[in-house]
Protein backbone atom coordinates (compact mmCIF):
# COMPACT_ATOMS: atom_id res chain seq x y z
CA MET A 1 77.25 126.77 100.99
CA PHE A 2 77.38 124.59 97.88
CA PRO A 3 80.46 125.54 95.81
CA LEU A 4 79.64 126.61 92.26
CA ILE A 5 82.47 127.01 89.77
CA ASN A 6 82.60 130.38 88.03
CA ASP A 7 81.52 129.10 84.59
CA LEU A 8 78.38 127.60 86.12
CA LYS A 9 77.61 130.85 87.90
CA ILE A 10 77.87 132.65 84.56
CA ALA A 11 75.41 130.18 82.95
CA LEU A 12 72.91 130.47 85.79
CA GLN A 13 73.26 134.26 85.88
CA ILE A 14 72.63 134.62 82.15
CA LEU A 15 69.43 132.61 82.43
CA ASN A 16 68.32 134.52 85.53
CA ASP A 17 69.08 137.88 83.92
CA ASN A 18 66.84 136.93 81.01
CA GLY A 19 63.95 136.16 83.33
CA PHE A 20 64.35 132.40 83.59
CA GLU A 21 64.75 130.09 86.56
CA ALA A 22 67.93 128.02 86.42
CA TYR A 23 69.40 125.34 88.68
CA LEU A 24 72.38 123.04 88.72
CA VAL A 25 71.09 119.46 89.00
CA GLY A 26 72.22 115.86 88.95
CA GLY A 27 75.72 114.49 88.68
CA ALA A 28 77.82 117.44 89.86
CA ILE A 29 75.85 117.70 93.09
CA ARG A 30 75.87 113.95 93.61
CA ASP A 31 79.63 113.79 93.02
CA TYR A 32 80.25 116.67 95.43
CA TYR A 33 78.52 114.82 98.26
CA PHE A 34 80.36 111.62 97.38
CA ASN A 35 83.61 113.63 97.40
CA VAL A 36 84.36 112.69 93.80
CA LYS A 37 85.83 114.98 91.14
CA THR A 38 83.37 115.79 88.38
CA ASN A 39 82.92 117.45 85.02
CA ASP A 40 79.26 116.43 84.82
CA TYR A 41 77.43 119.75 84.72
CA ASP A 42 73.69 119.77 84.07
CA VAL A 43 71.35 122.74 84.39
CA THR A 44 67.56 122.70 84.31
CA THR A 45 65.47 125.74 83.49
CA ASN A 46 61.97 126.89 82.59
CA ALA A 47 63.35 128.22 79.27
CA ASN A 48 62.71 126.12 76.17
CA THR A 49 65.53 125.04 73.87
CA ASP A 50 65.04 127.94 71.44
CA GLU A 51 65.19 130.38 74.33
CA ILE A 52 68.28 128.69 75.72
CA ILE A 53 70.07 128.98 72.38
CA ASP A 54 69.02 132.61 72.09
CA VAL A 55 70.26 133.75 75.52
CA PHE A 56 73.61 132.01 74.93
CA LYS A 57 74.05 133.42 71.42
CA ASP A 58 77.46 134.79 72.40
CA TYR A 59 78.69 131.31 73.33
CA LYS A 60 79.24 128.09 71.42
CA THR A 61 76.04 125.99 71.61
CA LYS A 62 74.85 122.68 70.21
CA LEU A 63 71.30 121.28 70.20
CA TYR A 64 71.46 117.53 70.72
CA SER A 65 69.67 115.25 68.26
CA SER A 66 67.03 114.52 70.89
CA LYS A 67 66.05 118.22 70.61
CA LYS A 68 65.71 118.24 74.40
CA THR A 69 69.13 119.46 75.56
CA VAL A 70 71.47 122.28 74.59
CA LEU A 71 75.20 121.98 75.17
CA VAL A 72 76.80 125.31 76.06
CA LYS A 73 80.54 125.92 76.36
CA ILE A 74 81.55 128.65 78.80
CA GLY A 75 85.28 128.99 79.25
CA GLU A 76 86.56 125.41 79.28
CA THR A 77 83.36 124.06 80.87
CA HIS A 78 80.72 122.14 78.94
CA ILE A 79 77.25 122.56 80.44
CA GLU A 80 74.15 120.64 79.36
CA ILE A 81 71.01 122.76 79.76
CA THR A 82 67.59 121.12 79.59
CA PRO A 83 64.06 122.49 80.03
CA PHE A 84 62.13 121.34 83.12
CA LYS A 85 60.66 117.87 83.13
CA GLY A 86 57.18 118.94 84.23
CA ASP A 87 55.94 122.40 85.15
CA ASN A 88 58.50 123.50 87.74
CA LEU A 89 61.68 122.57 89.55
CA ILE A 90 60.08 120.27 92.11
CA SER A 91 58.17 118.30 89.47
CA ASP A 92 61.41 118.10 87.47
CA LEU A 93 63.30 116.64 90.43
CA LYS A 94 60.56 114.14 91.14
CA LEU A 95 60.73 112.91 87.53
CA ARG A 96 64.48 112.24 87.54
CA ASP A 97 65.80 108.68 87.61
CA TYR A 98 67.29 108.13 91.07
CA THR A 99 67.03 110.15 94.26
CA ILE A 100 70.79 110.75 94.41
CA ASN A 101 70.39 112.59 91.08
CA SER A 102 67.29 114.52 92.21
CA ILE A 103 68.97 117.41 94.01
CA ALA A 104 69.22 121.00 92.73
CA VAL A 105 71.20 124.12 93.61
CA ASP A 106 70.46 127.72 92.57
CA ILE A 107 72.92 130.53 91.93
CA ASN A 108 72.83 131.48 95.63
CA SER A 109 73.79 127.91 96.61
CA ASN A 110 70.32 127.17 98.01
CA ILE A 111 69.69 123.41 97.95
CA TYR A 112 66.42 121.77 96.82
CA ASP A 113 66.09 118.13 97.84
CA PRO A 114 62.42 117.06 97.91
CA LEU A 115 63.20 113.31 97.75
CA ASN A 116 65.91 113.26 100.45
CA GLY A 117 68.62 112.40 97.97
CA ARG A 118 71.33 113.60 100.34
CA LEU A 119 70.11 111.10 102.94
CA ASP A 120 70.40 108.31 100.37
CA ILE A 121 73.90 109.52 99.53
CA ASN A 122 74.83 109.41 103.21
CA ASN A 123 73.36 105.92 103.48
CA LYS A 124 74.93 104.90 100.13
CA ILE A 125 71.72 103.47 98.72
CA LEU A 126 70.28 103.55 95.21
CA ARG A 127 66.59 104.32 95.19
CA PRO A 128 64.35 105.26 92.22
CA SER A 129 62.80 108.73 92.32
CA TYR A 130 59.36 107.27 91.58
CA ASN A 131 57.72 104.02 90.50
CA LEU A 132 60.54 101.83 89.20
CA SER A 133 58.65 100.41 86.23
CA ASP A 134 57.45 103.83 85.06
CA MET A 135 60.90 105.34 85.54
CA ILE A 136 62.66 102.65 83.49
CA SER A 137 60.01 102.63 80.75
CA ILE A 138 60.82 106.27 79.91
CA ASP A 139 64.45 105.34 79.22
CA PRO A 140 65.55 101.70 79.64
CA LEU A 141 69.19 102.86 79.63
CA ARG A 142 68.45 103.70 83.26
CA ILE A 143 68.91 99.99 84.03
CA LEU A 144 72.56 100.18 83.03
CA ARG A 145 72.94 103.63 84.57
CA GLY A 146 71.66 102.27 87.87
CA ILE A 147 74.22 99.46 87.75
CA ARG A 148 76.92 102.01 86.94
CA LEU A 149 75.95 104.14 89.95
CA ILE A 150 76.04 101.04 92.18
CA SER A 151 79.50 100.15 90.87
CA VAL A 152 81.10 103.59 90.92
CA TYR A 153 79.76 104.67 94.33
CA ASN A 154 79.55 101.23 95.96
CA LEU A 155 75.84 101.59 96.67
CA SER A 156 73.43 99.14 98.23
CA TYR A 157 70.04 98.37 96.68
CA ASP A 158 66.97 96.31 97.45
CA ASN A 159 65.91 93.02 95.87
CA GLU A 160 63.04 94.67 94.03
CA LEU A 161 65.44 96.85 92.06
CA LYS A 162 67.83 93.97 91.36
CA ASP A 163 65.05 91.66 90.23
CA TYR A 164 63.52 94.33 88.04
CA PHE A 165 66.81 95.04 86.27
CA ILE A 166 67.43 91.35 85.63
CA ASN A 167 63.88 90.42 84.64
CA ASN A 168 63.49 93.37 82.27
CA VAL A 169 66.84 93.31 80.52
CA SER A 170 65.00 92.89 77.20
CA LEU A 171 63.93 96.53 77.49
CA LEU A 172 67.49 97.43 76.52
CA ASN A 173 66.52 96.43 72.98
CA GLU A 174 64.81 99.82 72.79
CA VAL A 175 68.10 101.68 73.37
CA ILE A 176 70.49 102.67 70.57
CA ASP A 177 73.70 100.63 70.98
CA SER A 178 76.00 103.64 70.96
CA ARG A 179 74.33 104.98 74.12
CA PHE A 180 75.61 102.03 76.15
CA ARG A 181 79.26 102.92 75.83
CA ASP A 182 79.56 105.67 78.43
CA GLU A 183 77.85 103.59 81.12
CA LEU A 184 79.86 100.45 80.33
CA ASP A 185 83.12 102.42 80.32
CA LYS A 186 82.45 103.86 83.76
CA ILE A 187 81.54 100.44 85.13
CA LEU A 188 84.68 98.80 83.78
CA VAL A 189 87.07 101.42 85.18
CA SER A 190 85.36 101.50 88.58
CA ASN A 191 87.21 100.19 91.62
CA LYS A 192 85.79 96.67 91.53
CA PRO A 193 83.62 96.01 88.46
CA SER A 194 83.32 92.32 89.31
CA ASN A 195 80.76 93.12 92.00
CA VAL A 196 78.09 94.34 89.60
CA ILE A 197 79.01 91.97 86.78
CA ARG A 198 78.50 89.06 89.16
CA GLU A 199 75.31 90.45 90.73
CA PHE A 200 73.76 91.55 87.45
CA LYS A 201 75.34 88.97 85.19
CA GLU A 202 72.13 88.51 83.19
CA VAL A 203 72.31 92.17 82.19
CA PHE A 204 75.92 91.80 81.05
CA TYR A 205 75.00 88.67 79.08
CA TYR A 206 72.84 91.01 77.02
CA PHE A 207 75.93 92.91 75.87
CA PHE A 208 78.37 90.00 75.87
CA PRO A 209 76.40 86.77 75.25
CA ASN A 210 79.43 84.46 75.27
CA LEU A 211 80.08 85.45 78.88
CA ARG A 212 77.14 83.20 79.78
CA ASN A 213 79.13 80.14 78.70
CA CYS A 214 81.84 81.01 81.21
CA TYR A 215 79.60 80.93 84.28
CA LYS A 216 80.53 77.92 86.45
CA PHE A 217 82.56 76.42 83.60
CA ASP A 218 85.02 74.03 85.26
CA GLN A 219 88.46 74.38 83.70
CA ARG A 220 89.44 70.83 84.74
CA ASN A 221 93.07 71.84 85.19
CA THR A 222 93.90 72.30 88.87
CA LYS A 223 97.62 72.74 88.17
CA TRP A 224 96.84 76.09 86.60
CA HIS A 225 93.34 77.04 87.68
CA HIS A 226 91.39 77.02 90.93
CA LEU A 227 88.44 79.06 89.64
CA ASP A 228 85.82 78.54 86.97
CA VAL A 229 86.21 80.63 83.80
CA PHE A 230 83.70 83.29 84.88
CA GLU A 231 85.30 83.89 88.28
CA HIS A 232 88.77 83.81 86.77
CA ILE A 233 87.77 86.55 84.32
CA LEU A 234 86.34 88.69 87.11
CA LEU A 235 89.44 88.35 89.26
CA VAL A 236 91.67 89.29 86.33
CA LEU A 237 89.40 92.23 85.55
CA ASP A 238 89.63 93.60 89.09
CA SER A 239 93.40 93.08 89.16
CA THR A 240 94.19 95.20 86.11
CA LYS A 241 94.82 98.92 86.36
CA PRO A 242 91.74 101.04 85.57
CA ASN A 243 92.66 101.59 81.95
CA LEU A 244 89.68 101.05 79.65
CA ALA A 245 91.49 99.08 76.95
CA THR A 246 93.18 96.81 79.50
CA ARG A 247 89.92 96.31 81.38
CA TYR A 248 88.11 95.34 78.19
CA ALA A 249 90.94 93.00 77.27
CA ALA A 250 90.67 91.43 80.73
CA LEU A 251 86.92 91.00 80.36
CA PHE A 252 87.30 89.27 77.00
CA HIS A 253 90.66 87.53 77.30
CA ASP A 254 89.17 84.10 78.12
CA ILE A 255 85.56 84.64 77.07
CA ASP A 256 85.71 81.83 74.49
CA LYS A 257 87.61 79.31 76.56
CA PRO A 258 84.47 77.13 76.79
CA LEU A 259 84.35 76.97 72.97
CA SER A 260 87.94 75.72 72.76
CA PHE A 261 87.76 73.24 75.65
CA THR A 262 89.27 69.80 75.15
CA LEU A 263 90.17 66.95 77.53
CA ASP A 264 93.36 64.96 77.17
CA SER A 265 93.79 61.27 78.00
CA ASP A 266 94.24 62.14 81.68
CA ASN A 267 90.98 64.12 81.76
CA VAL A 268 92.89 67.39 82.08
CA GLY A 269 91.36 70.39 80.38
CA HIS A 270 93.07 72.44 77.67
CA PHE A 271 92.00 75.52 75.70
CA TYR A 272 94.14 75.59 72.59
CA GLY A 273 93.65 78.70 70.48
CA HIS A 274 91.25 80.33 72.93
CA PHE A 275 93.06 83.65 72.59
CA LYS A 276 92.19 83.81 68.88
CA LEU A 277 88.52 83.01 69.44
CA SER A 278 88.32 85.45 72.34
CA ARG A 279 89.98 88.17 70.28
CA ASP A 280 87.51 87.72 67.43
CA THR A 281 84.54 87.82 69.80
CA ALA A 282 85.86 90.98 71.43
CA VAL A 283 86.19 92.67 68.04
CA LYS A 284 82.60 91.76 67.18
CA TYR A 285 81.14 93.00 70.46
CA LEU A 286 83.12 96.24 70.51
CA PHE A 287 82.27 96.94 66.87
CA ASN A 288 78.58 96.50 67.66
CA LEU A 289 78.94 99.02 70.48
CA HIS A 290 80.53 101.51 68.04
CA TYR A 291 83.93 101.78 69.65
CA PRO A 292 86.63 103.45 67.52
CA LYS A 293 88.63 101.17 65.24
CA LYS A 294 91.92 102.12 66.90
CA PHE A 295 90.56 101.17 70.33
CA ILE A 296 89.20 97.84 69.08
CA THR A 297 92.53 97.03 67.43
CA LEU A 298 94.40 97.68 70.70
CA VAL A 299 92.04 95.52 72.77
CA ALA A 300 92.30 92.74 70.19
CA LYS A 301 96.11 92.88 70.30
CA LEU A 302 96.17 92.72 74.09
CA ILE A 303 93.92 89.64 74.07
CA TYR A 304 95.90 87.90 71.35
CA TYR A 305 99.22 88.26 73.16
CA HIS A 306 98.07 87.85 76.77
CA ASP A 307 99.12 84.20 76.92
CA ARG A 308 102.62 84.62 75.47
CA ARG A 309 105.38 82.89 77.40
CA PHE A 310 108.95 84.17 77.84
CA SER A 311 112.41 82.98 78.72
CA PHE A 312 115.16 85.04 80.32
CA GLU A 313 117.00 85.21 77.03
CA ASN A 314 116.74 88.61 75.41
CA GLU A 315 115.99 86.99 72.07
CA SER A 316 112.67 85.69 73.38
CA ILE A 317 111.55 89.13 74.51
CA ASP A 318 112.98 90.75 71.39
CA ASN A 319 110.89 88.41 69.25
CA PHE A 320 107.84 89.33 71.28
CA ILE A 321 108.42 93.04 70.74
CA GLU A 322 108.96 92.39 67.04
CA ASP A 323 105.45 90.92 66.94
CA PHE A 324 103.66 93.08 69.51
CA GLY A 325 105.32 96.44 68.89
CA ASP A 326 107.56 98.75 70.88
CA ASP A 327 105.07 101.31 72.18
CA GLU A 328 105.94 101.79 75.86
CA GLU A 329 102.40 102.34 77.13
CA GLU A 330 101.05 99.35 75.23
CA LEU A 331 103.86 97.17 76.59
CA LYS A 332 102.95 98.23 80.13
CA MET A 333 99.34 97.36 79.39
CA ILE A 334 100.07 93.87 78.06
CA PHE A 335 102.34 93.08 81.01
CA ASP A 336 99.67 94.39 83.37
CA LEU A 337 97.19 92.01 81.74
CA MET A 338 99.66 89.12 81.96
CA ALA A 339 100.32 89.82 85.64
CA SER A 340 96.60 90.02 86.36
CA ASP A 341 96.07 86.74 84.53
CA ILE A 342 98.62 85.11 86.84
CA LYS A 343 96.80 86.55 89.86
CA GLY A 344 93.64 84.83 88.62
CA GLN A 345 95.30 81.42 88.41
CA ASN A 346 96.35 78.86 91.02
CA PRO A 347 97.81 80.86 93.95
CA LYS A 348 100.77 78.45 94.00
CA LEU A 349 101.90 80.06 90.74
CA LEU A 350 102.08 83.63 92.02
CA PHE A 351 105.89 83.38 92.16
CA ARG A 352 105.82 83.94 88.37
CA LEU A 353 104.96 87.59 89.00
CA ASN A 354 108.57 88.23 90.02
CA ASP A 355 109.84 86.92 86.69
CA LEU A 356 107.26 88.97 84.83
CA ASP A 357 108.51 92.18 86.46
CA LYS A 358 112.00 91.35 85.22
CA TYR A 359 110.72 90.60 81.73
CA LEU A 360 108.94 93.97 81.61
CA LYS A 361 112.11 95.86 82.51
CA VAL A 362 114.04 94.05 79.78
CA ALA A 363 111.20 94.59 77.31
CA LEU A 364 111.06 98.33 77.98
CA ASP A 365 114.85 98.62 77.52
CA ILE A 366 114.73 96.73 74.24
CA ALA A 367 111.75 98.75 73.03
CA ARG A 368 113.53 102.03 73.86
CA LEU A 369 116.62 100.97 71.91
CA ARG A 370 114.45 99.97 68.95
CA ARG A 371 112.69 103.34 68.95
CA GLU A 372 116.05 105.16 69.04
CA ARG A 373 117.45 103.37 66.00
């Protein structure tokens, strides 16, 4: 039996009692079979949006700007209810984006799976529900959503899908920028975002053009770096805790190193001021994606200070806190970024992580005393 939470049962029952078919579809079912917690509740029905609003008149509802979906709040659960795509449930499921999202459950926990989505879940494979080109043309955001599904659930995919995503990245021009955020966020806080950024780098260049300059850019400084800028960024990204601001700071922290590259008389590479350039680029990109000002400011601060050096003298750390601030969570984030940056450098320098742990403890003590003044 598929487990339905009580609020979902209420929604399905209300629609059924008013003479309409109603089914849970999509993400909640997919997440259940992947054994992942979810709050992604979608219902499909043969009621139209006016009828949906009418039968839920005793509940808080909102018609989305697309005029295709109604958000209903039952208890503490938000449920998106959408009329069938096509004439009935089966046609609706066959018109969804990917097979792992093309499964439905009714109020009696009966499962409808015409495209064998559960088999694809078991095999951990991403497969379009119908012709890939037609499916993407309806909503090009499905390119990024597909990459997000690959990243979050560690799915395999065939070369046709990969090539189509890469060769048709220009279709994303048809998508409103603000719609990208949710997919990008889920990719960045996934277990290992580097996998999809590396595999689908041309797609990520669309969002972050300066990342292209980093690919195979030799840092020419073996004392500090054994990786090119692109691979260094990806290793740092994977090493940070899955906090969105820290992950974005990791993605951008060295993005403009190639623009600040200089060679000294010994042909050793240096990147003076790269943290300022990278910060400014991050602000521009995040602003274009309509992130909140407070979030952008935090990411910018993390990037700006990620390369700060310390001594064991309290005065050095005290000066840092004077500049950076004494917020405990933000201090943990900047030290996490610093530690991850070390992990992305020459492995011979990993011993510096021990010192960084000591600096963090001192910093947190100083910050606490400052807050208590």
